Amino acid sequence: MKYLMMVAVDGDPDTSDAPEASVDDWFARVTERGQWVMGERLRPPGSATLVRVRNGETIVTDGPFAETKEWLAGFDILDCATLDDAIQVAAAHPMARGGRIELRAFWPFEEDADA
């Protein structure tokens, strides 16, 4: 199963004394296990462009849609056997402590909408 792992910055990081994990170590582990498909970091929210269509008109707005302390910093696509495996991969990412990570399973178009 493929999962989109959205890596976000938020204003409430972990404050435990646990040693900080290395993203390079995380990447080496998930690559070695064949669980990493692709990923990229994203530019800050100030460089975002919002595109909407309303009443047939395309509306383009610079900057993020909402003022928030949380923002999407990057993403990875994982290929994991189960959700539990994807959770373990996400929990080992350094941003799980410094921000937050959201996992979403891919939903193939062939799959029934009620599934």
PDB file of N, CA and C in Angstrom:
ATOM      1  N   MET A   1       0.850  -1.174   0.000  1.00  0.00           N
ATOM      2  CA  MET A   1       0.000   0.000   0.000  1.00  0.00           C
ATOM      3  C   MET A   1       0.893   1.234   0.000  1.00  0.00           C
ATOM      4  N   LYS A   2       0.534   2.200  -0.806  1.00  0.00           N
ATOM      5  CA  LYS A   2       1.290   3.446  -0.831  1.00  0.00           C
ATOM      6  C   LYS A   2       0.604   4.470   0.084  1.00  0.00           C
ATOM      7  N   TYR A   3       1.446   5.256   0.752  1.00  0.00           N
ATOM      8  CA  TYR A   3       0.986   6.296   1.671  1.00  0.00           C
ATOM      9  C   TYR A   3       1.673   7.612   1.342  1.00  0.00           C
ATOM     10  N   LEU A   4       0.912   8.693   1.403  1.00  0.00           N
ATOM     11  CA  LEU A   4       1.482  10.027   1.345  1.00  0.00           C
ATOM     12  C   LEU A   4       1.778  10.428   2.783  1.00  0.00           C
ATOM     13  N   MET A   5       3.016  10.775   3.052  1.00  0.00           N
ATOM     14  CA  MET A   5       3.427  11.222   4.382  1.00  0.00           C
ATOM     15  C   MET A   5       3.679  12.726   4.284  1.00  0.00           C
ATOM     16  N   MET A   6       2.760  13.513   4.823  1.00  0.00           N
ATOM     17  CA  MET A   6       2.900  14.967   4.793  1.00  0.00           C
ATOM     18  C   MET A   6       3.615  15.408   6.062  1.00  0.00           C
ATOM     19  N   VAL A   7       4.711  16.097   5.880  1.00  0.00           N
ATOM     20  CA  VAL A   7       5.556  16.535   6.984  1.00  0.00           C
ATOM     21  C   VAL A   7       5.276  18.018   7.218  1.00  0.00           C
ATOM     22  N   ALA A   8       4.820  18.353   8.425  1.00  0.00           N
ATOM     23  CA  ALA A   8       4.420  19.731   8.707  1.00  0.00           C
ATOM     24  C   ALA A   8       5.168  20.287   9.911  1.00  0.00           C
ATOM     25  N   VAL A   9       5.365  21.579   9.872  1.00  0.00           N
ATOM     26  CA  VAL A   9       5.939  22.322  10.992  1.00  0.00           C
ATOM     27  C   VAL A   9       4.769  22.795  11.837  1.00  0.00           C
ATOM     28  N   ASP A  10       4.901  22.708  13.156  1.00  0.00           N
ATOM     29  CA  ASP A  10       3.874  23.276  14.017  1.00  0.00           C
ATOM     30  C   ASP A  10       4.532  23.965  15.203  1.00  0.00           C
ATOM     31  N   GLY A  11       3.737  24.638  15.995  1.00  0.00           N
ATOM     32  CA  GLY A  11       4.270  25.435  17.096  1.00  0.00           C
ATOM     33  C   GLY A  11       4.400  24.694  18.407  1.00  0.00           C
ATOM     34  N   ASP A  12       4.231  23.382  18.411  1.00  0.00           N
ATOM     35  CA  ASP A  12       4.246  22.631  19.659  1.00  0.00           C
ATOM     36  C   ASP A  12       5.170  21.412  19.546  1.00  0.00           C
ATOM     37  N   PRO A  13       6.489  21.626  19.456  1.00  0.00           N
ATOM     38  CA  PRO A  13       7.409  20.500  19.298  1.00  0.00           C
ATOM     39  C   PRO A  13       7.566  19.698  20.582  1.00  0.00           C
ATOM     40  N   ASP A  14       8.090  18.484  20.431  1.00  0.00           N
ATOM     41  CA  ASP A  14       8.406  17.622  21.567  1.00  0.00           C
ATOM     42  C   ASP A  14       9.511  18.275  22.387  1.00  0.00           C
ATOM     43  N   THR A  15       9.389  18.248  23.691  1.00  0.00           N
ATOM     44  CA  THR A  15      10.402  18.869  24.557  1.00  0.00           C
ATOM     45  C   THR A  15      11.125  17.839  25.412  1.00  0.00           C
ATOM     46  N   SER A  16      11.023  16.557  25.043  1.00  0.00           N
ATOM     47  CA  SER A  16      11.706  15.519  25.823  1.00  0.00           C
ATOM     48  C   SER A  16      13.219  15.632  25.644  1.00  0.00           C
ATOM     49  N   ASP A  17      13.947  14.935  26.500  1.00  0.00           N
ATOM     50  CA  ASP A  17      15.406  14.950  26.447  1.00  0.00           C
ATOM     51  C   ASP A  17      15.973  13.897  25.497  1.00  0.00           C
ATOM     52  N   ALA A  18      15.113  13.188  24.774  1.00  0.00           N
ATOM     53  CA  ALA A  18      15.573  12.154  23.843  1.00  0.00           C
ATOM     54  C   ALA A  18      16.480  12.789  22.787  1.00  0.00           C
ATOM     55  N   PRO A  19      17.524  12.077  22.367  1.00  0.00           N
ATOM     56  CA  PRO A  19      18.418  12.641  21.349  1.00  0.00           C
ATOM     57  C   PRO A  19      17.669  12.894  20.043  1.00  0.00           C
ATOM     58  N   GLU A  20      18.059  13.948  19.364  1.00  0.00           N
ATOM     59  CA  GLU A  20      17.416  14.304  18.110  1.00  0.00           C
ATOM     60  C   GLU A  20      17.832  13.324  17.017  1.00  0.00           C
ATOM     61  N   ALA A  21      16.849  12.849  16.263  1.00  0.00           N
ATOM     62  CA  ALA A  21      17.115  11.906  15.181  1.00  0.00           C
ATOM     63  C   ALA A  21      17.669  12.644  13.968  1.00  0.00           C
ATOM     64  N   SER A  22      18.389  11.921  13.144  1.00  0.00           N
ATOM     65  CA  SER A  22      18.958  12.474  11.922  1.00  0.00           C
ATOM     66  C   SER A  22      18.084  12.094  10.738  1.00  0.00           C
ATOM     67  N   VAL A  23      17.723  13.074   9.919  1.00  0.00           N
ATOM     68  CA  VAL A  23      16.926  12.776   8.738  1.00  0.00           C
ATOM     69  C   VAL A  23      17.726  11.919   7.765  1.00  0.00           C
ATOM     70  N   ASP A  24      19.041  12.072   7.743  1.00  0.00           N
ATOM     71  CA  ASP A  24      19.872  11.237   6.871  1.00  0.00           C
ATOM     72  C   ASP A  24      19.808   9.772   7.300  1.00  0.00           C
ATOM     73  N   ASP A  25      19.827   9.516   8.610  1.00  0.00           N
ATOM     74  CA  ASP A  25      19.701   8.143   9.114  1.00  0.00           C
ATOM     75  C   ASP A  25      18.321   7.577   8.796  1.00  0.00           C
ATOM     76  N   TRP A  26      17.284   8.388   8.993  1.00  0.00           N
ATOM     77  CA  TRP A  26      15.924   7.958   8.678  1.00  0.00           C
ATOM     78  C   TRP A  26      15.827   7.576   7.203  1.00  0.00           C
ATOM     79  N   PHE A  27      16.354   8.442   6.339  1.00  0.00           N
ATOM     80  CA  PHE A  27      16.288   8.200   4.900  1.00  0.00           C
ATOM     81  C   PHE A  27      17.036   6.919   4.525  1.00  0.00           C
ATOM     82  N   ALA A  28      18.203   6.709   5.105  1.00  0.00           N
ATOM     83  CA  ALA A  28      18.977   5.496   4.811  1.00  0.00           C
ATOM     84  C   ALA A  28      18.185   4.244   5.200  1.00  0.00           C
ATOM     85  N   ARG A  29      17.530   4.273   6.359  1.00  0.00           N
ATOM     86  CA  ARG A  29      16.770   3.101   6.817  1.00  0.00           C
ATOM     87  C   ARG A  29      15.584   2.792   5.908  1.00  0.00           C
ATOM     88  N   VAL A  30      14.772   3.808   5.579  1.00  0.00           N
ATOM     89  CA  VAL A  30      13.577   3.539   4.769  1.00  0.00           C
ATOM     90  C   VAL A  30      13.940   3.192   3.331  1.00  0.00           C
ATOM     91  N   THR A  31      15.042   3.731   2.839  1.00  0.00           N
ATOM     92  CA  THR A  31      15.500   3.383   1.496  1.00  0.00           C
ATOM     93  C   THR A  31      15.991   1.941   1.470  1.00  0.00           C
ATOM     94  N   GLU A  32      16.767   1.564   2.467  1.00  0.00           N
ATOM     95  CA  GLU A  32      17.292   0.192   2.556  1.00  0.00           C
ATOM     96  C   GLU A  32      16.152  -0.829   2.625  1.00  0.00           C
ATOM     97  N   ARG A  33      15.079  -0.489   3.310  1.00  0.00           N
ATOM     98  CA  ARG A  33      13.927  -1.393   3.447  1.00  0.00           C
ATOM     99  C   ARG A  33      13.006  -1.370   2.221  1.00  0.00           C
ATOM    100  N   GLY A  34      13.274  -0.476   1.272  1.00  0.00           N
ATOM    101  CA  GLY A  34      12.431  -0.365   0.088  1.00  0.00           C
ATOM    102  C   GLY A  34      11.101   0.299   0.357  1.00  0.00           C
ATOM    103  N   GLN A  35      11.004   1.086   1.431  1.00  0.00           N
ATOM    104  CA  GLN A  35       9.736   1.720   1.800  1.00  0.00           C
ATOM    105  C   GLN A  35       9.603   3.141   1.268  1.00  0.00           C
ATOM    106  N   TRP A  36      10.684   3.727   0.787  1.00  0.00           N
ATOM    107  CA  TRP A  36      10.644   5.107   0.299  1.00  0.00           C
ATOM    108  C   TRP A  36      10.505   5.091  -1.210  1.00  0.00           C
ATOM    109  N   VAL A  37       9.510   5.784  -1.729  1.00  0.00           N
ATOM    110  CA  VAL A  37       9.283   5.871  -3.168  1.00  0.00           C
ATOM    111  C   VAL A  37       9.838   7.174  -3.707  1.00  0.00           C
ATOM    112  N   MET A  38       9.463   8.283  -3.078  1.00  0.00           N
ATOM    113  CA  MET A  38       9.968   9.607  -3.464  1.00  0.00           C
ATOM    114  C   MET A  38       9.577  10.616  -2.406  1.00  0.00           C
ATOM    115  N   GLY A  39      10.168  11.783  -2.472  1.00  0.00           N
ATOM    116  CA  GLY A  39       9.816  12.849  -1.548  1.00  0.00           C
ATOM    117  C   GLY A  39      10.564  14.115  -1.889  1.00  0.00           C
ATOM    118  N   GLU A  40      10.089  15.208  -1.384  1.00  0.00           N
ATOM    119  CA  GLU A  40      10.712  16.515  -1.594  1.00  0.00           C
ATOM    120  C   GLU A  40      10.368  17.423  -0.428  1.00  0.00           C
ATOM    121  N   ARG A  41      11.232  18.384  -0.190  1.00  0.00           N
ATOM    122  CA  ARG A  41      10.876  19.447   0.752  1.00  0.00           C
ATOM    123  C   ARG A  41      10.157  20.514  -0.059  1.00  0.00           C
ATOM    124  N   LEU A  42       9.428  21.370   0.613  1.00  0.00           N
ATOM    125  CA  LEU A  42       8.662  22.421  -0.060  1.00  0.00           C
ATOM    126  C   LEU A  42       9.134  23.790   0.413  1.00  0.00           C
ATOM    127  N   ARG A  43       9.024  24.765  -0.456  1.00  0.00           N
ATOM    128  CA  ARG A  43       9.377  26.141  -0.085  1.00  0.00           C
ATOM    129  C   ARG A  43       8.388  26.638   0.967  1.00  0.00           C
ATOM    130  N   PRO A  44       8.766  27.661   1.738  1.00  0.00           N
ATOM    131  CA  PRO A  44       7.891  28.174   2.811  1.00  0.00           C
ATOM    132  C   PRO A  44       6.547  28.677   2.288  1.00  0.00           C
ATOM    133  N   PRO A  45       5.556  28.775   3.177  1.00  0.00           N
ATOM    134  CA  PRO A  45       4.204  29.177   2.774  1.00  0.00           C
ATOM    135  C   PRO A  45       4.136  30.526   2.064  1.00  0.00           C
ATOM    136  N   GLY A  46       5.039  31.428   2.364  1.00  0.00           N
ATOM    137  CA  GLY A  46       5.016  32.742   1.715  1.00  0.00           C
ATOM    138  C   GLY A  46       5.213  32.680   0.210  1.00  0.00           C
ATOM    139  N   SER A  47       5.752  31.577  -0.279  1.00  0.00           N
ATOM    140  CA  SER A  47       5.951  31.439  -1.719  1.00  0.00           C
ATOM    141  C   SER A  47       4.818  30.654  -2.381  1.00  0.00           C
ATOM    142  N   ALA A  48       3.782  30.332  -1.618  1.00  0.00           N
ATOM    143  CA  ALA A  48       2.660  29.553  -2.144  1.00  0.00           C
ATOM    144  C   ALA A  48       1.794  30.387  -3.073  1.00  0.00           C
ATOM    145  N   THR A  49       1.099  29.718  -3.955  1.00  0.00           N
ATOM    146  CA  THR A  49       0.111  30.338  -4.830  1.00  0.00           C
ATOM    147  C   THR A  49      -1.184  29.551  -4.693  1.00  0.00           C
ATOM    148  N   LEU A  50      -2.246  30.227  -4.361  1.00  0.00           N
ATOM    149  CA  LEU A  50      -3.558  29.603  -4.211  1.00  0.00           C
ATOM    150  C   LEU A  50      -4.333  29.822  -5.504  1.00  0.00           C
ATOM    151  N   VAL A  51      -4.889  28.757  -6.065  1.00  0.00           N
ATOM    152  CA  VAL A  51      -5.660  28.828  -7.306  1.00  0.00           C
ATOM    153  C   VAL A  51      -7.061  28.306  -7.035  1.00  0.00           C
ATOM    154  N   ARG A  52      -8.047  29.115  -7.376  1.00  0.00           N
ATOM    155  CA  ARG A  52      -9.455  28.724  -7.236  1.00  0.00           C
ATOM    156  C   ARG A  52     -10.192  29.143  -8.497  1.00  0.00           C
ATOM    157  N   VAL A  53     -11.270  28.450  -8.797  1.00  0.00           N
ATOM    158  CA  VAL A  53     -12.159  28.862  -9.881  1.00  0.00           C
ATOM    159  C   VAL A  53     -13.524  29.102  -9.265  1.00  0.00           C
ATOM    160  N   ARG A  54     -14.041  30.306  -9.450  1.00  0.00           N
ATOM    161  CA  ARG A  54     -15.350  30.698  -8.933  1.00  0.00           C
ATOM    162  C   ARG A  54     -16.128  31.388 -10.042  1.00  0.00           C
ATOM    163  N   ASN A  55     -17.335  30.906 -10.290  1.00  0.00           N
ATOM    164  CA  ASN A  55     -18.186  31.477 -11.333  1.00  0.00           C
ATOM    165  C   ASN A  55     -17.462  31.545 -12.672  1.00  0.00           C
ATOM    166  N   GLY A  56     -16.669  30.514 -12.966  1.00  0.00           N
ATOM    167  CA  GLY A  56     -15.961  30.436 -14.236  1.00  0.00           C
ATOM    168  C   GLY A  56     -14.704  31.284 -14.320  1.00  0.00           C
ATOM    169  N   GLU A  57     -14.365  31.994 -13.260  1.00  0.00           N
ATOM    170  CA  GLU A  57     -13.188  32.862 -13.259  1.00  0.00           C
ATOM    171  C   GLU A  57     -12.083  32.239 -12.407  1.00  0.00           C
ATOM    172  N   THR A  58     -10.866  32.239 -12.948  1.00  0.00           N
ATOM    173  CA  THR A  58      -9.714  31.745 -12.207  1.00  0.00           C
ATOM    174  C   THR A  58      -9.193  32.862 -11.310  1.00  0.00           C
ATOM    175  N   ILE A  59      -9.095  32.562 -10.023  1.00  0.00           N
ATOM    176  CA  ILE A  59      -8.631  33.536  -9.035  1.00  0.00           C
ATOM    177  C   ILE A  59      -7.303  33.027  -8.487  1.00  0.00           C
ATOM    178  N   VAL A  60      -6.272  33.843  -8.597  1.00  0.00           N
ATOM    179  CA  VAL A  60      -4.935  33.476  -8.128  1.00  0.00           C
ATOM    180  C   VAL A  60      -4.544  34.425  -7.006  1.00  0.00           C
ATOM    181  N   THR A  61      -4.143  33.840  -5.869  1.00  0.00           N
ATOM    182  CA  THR A  61      -3.749  34.622  -4.704  1.00  0.00           C
ATOM    183  C   THR A  61      -2.359  34.202  -4.283  1.00  0.00           C
ATOM    184  N   ASP A  62      -1.482  35.165  -4.042  1.00  0.00           N
ATOM    185  CA  ASP A  62      -0.140  34.864  -3.550  1.00  0.00           C
ATOM    186  C   ASP A  62      -0.183  34.556  -2.074  1.00  0.00           C
ATOM    187  N   GLY A  63       0.731  33.691  -1.647  1.00  0.00           N
ATOM    188  CA  GLY A  63       0.872  33.380  -0.235  1.00  0.00           C
ATOM    189  C   GLY A  63      -0.048  32.258   0.196  1.00  0.00           C
ATOM    190  N   PRO A  64       0.043  31.873   1.442  1.00  0.00           N
ATOM    191  CA  PRO A  64      -0.757  30.744   1.935  1.00  0.00           C
ATOM    192  C   PRO A  64      -2.229  31.114   2.035  1.00  0.00           C
ATOM    193  N   PHE A  65      -3.067  30.100   2.031  1.00  0.00           N
ATOM    194  CA  PHE A  65      -4.508  30.297   2.131  1.00  0.00           C
ATOM    195  C   PHE A  65      -4.898  30.829   3.504  1.00  0.00           C
ATOM    196  N   ALA A  66      -4.260  30.298   4.556  1.00  0.00           N
ATOM    197  CA  ALA A  66      -4.628  30.689   5.915  1.00  0.00           C
ATOM    198  C   ALA A  66      -3.388  31.089   6.705  1.00  0.00           C
ATOM    199  N   GLU A  67      -3.568  32.014   7.603  1.00  0.00           N
ATOM    200  CA  GLU A  67      -2.492  32.373   8.523  1.00  0.00           C
ATOM    201  C   GLU A  67      -2.463  31.327   9.621  1.00  0.00           C
ATOM    202  N   THR A  68      -1.375  30.595   9.720  1.00  0.00           N
ATOM    203  CA  THR A  68      -1.279  29.538  10.716  1.00  0.00           C
ATOM    204  C   THR A  68       0.180  29.290  11.060  1.00  0.00           C
ATOM    205  N   LYS A  69       0.426  28.761  12.227  1.00  0.00           N
ATOM    206  CA  LYS A  69       1.788  28.422  12.620  1.00  0.00           C
ATOM    207  C   LYS A  69       2.189  27.075  12.038  1.00  0.00           C
ATOM    208  N   GLU A  70       1.205  26.284  11.627  1.00  0.00           N
ATOM    209  CA  GLU A  70       1.474  24.993  11.011  1.00  0.00           C
ATOM    210  C   GLU A  70       1.550  25.175   9.512  1.00  0.00           C
ATOM    211  N   TRP A  71       2.528  24.519   8.876  1.00  0.00           N
ATOM    212  CA  TRP A  71       2.617  24.578   7.426  1.00  0.00           C
ATOM    213  C   TRP A  71       3.329  23.346   6.911  1.00  0.00           C
ATOM    214  N   LEU A  72       2.958  22.956   5.709  1.00  0.00           N
ATOM    215  CA  LEU A  72       3.512  21.778   5.068  1.00  0.00           C
ATOM    216  C   LEU A  72       4.947  22.063   4.647  1.00  0.00           C
ATOM    217  N   ALA A  73       5.883  21.290   5.196  1.00  0.00           N
ATOM    218  CA  ALA A  73       7.307  21.495   4.916  1.00  0.00           C
ATOM    219  C   ALA A  73       7.815  20.569   3.828  1.00  0.00           C
ATOM    220  N   GLY A  74       7.151  19.451   3.634  1.00  0.00           N
ATOM    221  CA  GLY A  74       7.574  18.496   2.622  1.00  0.00           C
ATOM    222  C   GLY A  74       6.670  17.285   2.623  1.00  0.00           C
ATOM    223  N   PHE A  75       7.018  16.327   1.778  1.00  0.00           N
ATOM    224  CA  PHE A  75       6.223  15.111   1.688  1.00  0.00           C
ATOM    225  C   PHE A  75       7.120  13.958   1.276  1.00  0.00           C
ATOM    226  N   ASP A  76       6.663  12.775   1.590  1.00  0.00           N
ATOM    227  CA  ASP A  76       7.299  11.550   1.123  1.00  0.00           C
ATOM    228  C   ASP A  76       6.200  10.601   0.704  1.00  0.00           C
ATOM    229  N   ILE A  77       6.481   9.771  -0.258  1.00  0.00           N
ATOM    230  CA  ILE A  77       5.580   8.699  -0.626  1.00  0.00           C
ATOM    231  C   ILE A  77       6.232   7.413  -0.158  1.00  0.00           C
ATOM    232  N   LEU A  78       5.502   6.676   0.648  1.00  0.00           N
ATOM    233  CA  LEU A  78       5.996   5.438   1.236  1.00  0.00           C
ATOM    234  C   LEU A  78       5.273   4.257   0.613  1.00  0.00           C
ATOM    235  N   ASP A  79       5.948   3.122   0.562  1.00  0.00           N
ATOM    236  CA  ASP A  79       5.333   1.874   0.129  1.00  0.00           C
ATOM    237  C   ASP A  79       5.508   0.894   1.274  1.00  0.00           C
ATOM    238  N   CYS A  80       4.455   0.715   2.061  1.00  0.00           N
ATOM    239  CA  CYS A  80       4.515  -0.107   3.271  1.00  0.00           C
ATOM    240  C   CYS A  80       3.448  -1.190   3.211  1.00  0.00           C
ATOM    241  N   ALA A  81       3.733  -2.317   3.826  1.00  0.00           N
ATOM    242  CA  ALA A  81       2.806  -3.446   3.813  1.00  0.00           C
ATOM    243  C   ALA A  81       1.517  -3.137   4.570  1.00  0.00           C
ATOM    244  N   THR A  82       1.625  -2.371   5.662  1.00  0.00           N
ATOM    245  CA  THR A  82       0.459  -2.087   6.489  1.00  0.00           C
ATOM    246  C   THR A  82       0.517  -0.653   7.002  1.00  0.00           C
ATOM    247  N   LEU A  83      -0.600  -0.190   7.526  1.00  0.00           N
ATOM    248  CA  LEU A  83      -0.627   1.123   8.161  1.00  0.00           C
ATOM    249  C   LEU A  83       0.320   1.152   9.353  1.00  0.00           C
ATOM    250  N   ASP A  84       0.384   0.059  10.111  1.00  0.00           N
ATOM    251  CA  ASP A  84       1.301   0.005  11.257  1.00  0.00           C
ATOM    252  C   ASP A  84       2.747   0.209  10.819  1.00  0.00           C
ATOM    253  N   ASP A  85       3.133  -0.369   9.674  1.00  0.00           N
ATOM    254  CA  ASP A  85       4.490  -0.158   9.151  1.00  0.00           C
ATOM    255  C   ASP A  85       4.700   1.313   8.794  1.00  0.00           C
ATOM    256  N   ALA A  86       3.700   1.926   8.159  1.00  0.00           N
ATOM    257  CA  ALA A  86       3.803   3.338   7.785  1.00  0.00           C
ATOM    258  C   ALA A  86       3.900   4.215   9.030  1.00  0.00           C
ATOM    259  N   ILE A  87       3.172   3.866  10.081  1.00  0.00           N
ATOM    260  CA  ILE A  87       3.234   4.624  11.335  1.00  0.00           C
ATOM    261  C   ILE A  87       4.634   4.528  11.941  1.00  0.00           C
ATOM    262  N   GLN A  88       5.236   3.359  11.902  1.00  0.00           N
ATOM    263  CA  GLN A  88       6.602   3.205  12.425  1.00  0.00           C
ATOM    264  C   GLN A  88       7.591   4.050  11.641  1.00  0.00           C
ATOM    265  N   VAL A  89       7.443   4.086  10.322  1.00  0.00           N
ATOM    266  CA  VAL A  89       8.323   4.914   9.487  1.00  0.00           C
ATOM    267  C   VAL A  89       8.130   6.384   9.837  1.00  0.00           C
ATOM    268  N   ALA A  90       6.883   6.823   9.946  1.00  0.00           N
ATOM    269  CA  ALA A  90       6.584   8.225  10.253  1.00  0.00           C
ATOM    270  C   ALA A  90       7.084   8.614  11.639  1.00  0.00           C
ATOM    271  N   ALA A  91       6.905   7.732  12.609  1.00  0.00           N
ATOM    272  CA  ALA A  91       7.325   8.037  13.980  1.00  0.00           C
ATOM    273  C   ALA A  91       8.838   8.162  14.100  1.00  0.00           C
ATOM    274  N   ALA A  92       9.575   7.505  13.218  1.00  0.00           N
ATOM    275  CA  ALA A  92      11.032   7.575  13.254  1.00  0.00           C
ATOM    276  C   ALA A  92      11.577   8.817  12.549  1.00  0.00           C
ATOM    277  N   HIS A  93      10.741   9.529  11.807  1.00  0.00           N
ATOM    278  CA  HIS A  93      11.190  10.748  11.104  1.00  0.00           C
ATOM    279  C   HIS A  93      11.411  11.846  12.129  1.00  0.00           C
ATOM    280  N   PRO A  94      12.503  12.611  12.012  1.00  0.00           N
ATOM    281  CA  PRO A  94      12.780  13.678  12.984  1.00  0.00           C
ATOM    282  C   PRO A  94      11.647  14.690  13.148  1.00  0.00           C
ATOM    283  N   MET A  95      10.887  14.942  12.103  1.00  0.00           N
ATOM    284  CA  MET A  95       9.816  15.932  12.208  1.00  0.00           C
ATOM    285  C   MET A  95       8.613  15.412  12.998  1.00  0.00           C
ATOM    286  N   ALA A  96       8.590  14.116  13.322  1.00  0.00           N
ATOM    287  CA  ALA A  96       7.522  13.625  14.191  1.00  0.00           C
ATOM    288  C   ALA A  96       7.656  14.266  15.571  1.00  0.00           C
ATOM    289  N   ARG A  97       8.885  14.618  15.943  1.00  0.00           N
ATOM    290  CA  ARG A  97       9.129  15.295  17.224  1.00  0.00           C
ATOM    291  C   ARG A  97       9.132  16.810  17.070  1.00  0.00           C
ATOM    292  N   GLY A  98       9.588  17.313  15.953  1.00  0.00           N
ATOM    293  CA  GLY A  98       9.704  18.756  15.767  1.00  0.00           C
ATOM    294  C   GLY A  98       8.491  19.397  15.142  1.00  0.00           C
ATOM    295  N   GLY A  99       7.595  18.595  14.617  1.00  0.00           N
ATOM    296  CA  GLY A  99       6.397  19.110  13.958  1.00  0.00           C
ATOM    297  C   GLY A  99       5.296  18.087  14.063  1.00  0.00           C
ATOM    298  N   ARG A 100       4.727  17.732  12.935  1.00  0.00           N
ATOM    299  CA  ARG A 100       3.717  16.672  12.914  1.00  0.00           C
ATOM    300  C   ARG A 100       3.746  16.017  11.545  1.00  0.00           C
ATOM    301  N   ILE A 101       3.268  14.796  11.501  1.00  0.00           N
ATOM    302  CA  ILE A 101       3.242  14.041  10.254  1.00  0.00           C
ATOM    303  C   ILE A 101       1.845  13.460  10.073  1.00  0.00           C
ATOM    304  N   GLU A 102       1.311  13.640   8.886  1.00  0.00           N
ATOM    305  CA  GLU A 102       0.009  13.070   8.554  1.00  0.00           C
ATOM    306  C   GLU A 102       0.221  12.004   7.486  1.00  0.00           C
ATOM    307  N   LEU A 103      -0.364  10.841   7.701  1.00  0.00           N
ATOM    308  CA  LEU A 103      -0.313   9.753   6.726  1.00  0.00           C
ATOM    309  C   LEU A 103      -1.661   9.627   6.042  1.00  0.00           C
ATOM    310  N   ARG A 104      -1.648   9.463   4.724  1.00  0.00           N
ATOM    311  CA  ARG A 104      -2.871   9.200   3.976  1.00  0.00           C
ATOM    312  C   ARG A 104      -2.592   8.095   2.980  1.00  0.00           C
ATOM    313  N   ALA A 105      -3.401   7.042   3.040  1.00  0.00           N
ATOM    314  CA  ALA A 105      -3.282   5.946   2.085  1.00  0.00           C
ATOM    315  C   ALA A 105      -3.738   6.418   0.707  1.00  0.00           C
ATOM    316  N   PHE A 106      -3.063   5.945  -0.324  1.00  0.00           N
ATOM    317  CA  PHE A 106      -3.515   6.226  -1.682  1.00  0.00           C
ATOM    318  C   PHE A 106      -4.875   5.549  -1.866  1.00  0.00           C
ATOM    319  N   TRP A 107      -5.725   6.146  -2.686  1.00  0.00           N
ATOM    320  CA  TRP A 107      -7.053   5.617  -2.962  1.00  0.00           C
ATOM    321  C   TRP A 107      -7.159   5.424  -4.467  1.00  0.00           C
ATOM    322  N   PRO A 108      -6.808   4.228  -4.947  1.00  0.00           N
ATOM    323  CA  PRO A 108      -6.797   3.994  -6.404  1.00  0.00           C
ATOM    324  C   PRO A 108      -8.159   4.272  -7.039  1.00  0.00           C
ATOM    325  N   PHE A 109      -8.145   4.820  -8.256  1.00  0.00           N
ATOM    326  CA  PHE A 109      -9.379   5.146  -8.948  1.00  0.00           C
ATOM    327  C   PHE A 109     -10.225   3.905  -9.230  1.00  0.00           C
ATOM    328  N   GLU A 110      -9.575   2.749  -9.358  1.00  0.00           N
ATOM    329  CA  GLU A 110     -10.304   1.511  -9.639  1.00  0.00           C
ATOM    330  C   GLU A 110     -11.117   1.042  -8.447  1.00  0.00           C
ATOM    331  N   GLU A 111     -10.782   1.529  -7.253  1.00  0.00           N
ATOM    332  CA  GLU A 111     -11.427   1.074  -6.030  1.00  0.00           C
ATOM    333  C   GLU A 111     -12.799   1.712  -5.874  1.00  0.00           C
ATOM    334  N   ASP A 112     -13.738   0.950  -5.364  1.00  0.00           N
ATOM    335  CA  ASP A 112     -15.100   1.430  -5.131  1.00  0.00           C
ATOM    336  C   ASP A 112     -15.083   2.646  -4.207  1.00  0.00           C
ATOM    337  N   ALA A 113     -15.869   3.648  -4.519  1.00  0.00           N
ATOM    338  CA  ALA A 113     -15.921   4.882  -3.727  1.00  0.00           C
ATOM    339  C   ALA A 113     -16.414   4.639  -2.310  1.00  0.00           C
ATOM    340  N   ASP A 114     -17.133   3.532  -2.082  1.00  0.00           N
ATOM    341  CA  ASP A 114     -17.640   3.226  -0.746  1.00  0.00           C
ATOM    342  C   ASP A 114     -16.623   2.485   0.115  1.00  0.00           C
ATOM    343  N   ALA A 115     -15.477   2.132  -0.466  1.00  0.00           N
ATOM    344  CA  ALA A 115     -14.489   1.336   0.272  1.00  0.00           C
ATOM    345  C   ALA A 115     -13.802   2.141   1.351  1.00  0.00           C
TER     346      ALA A 115
END
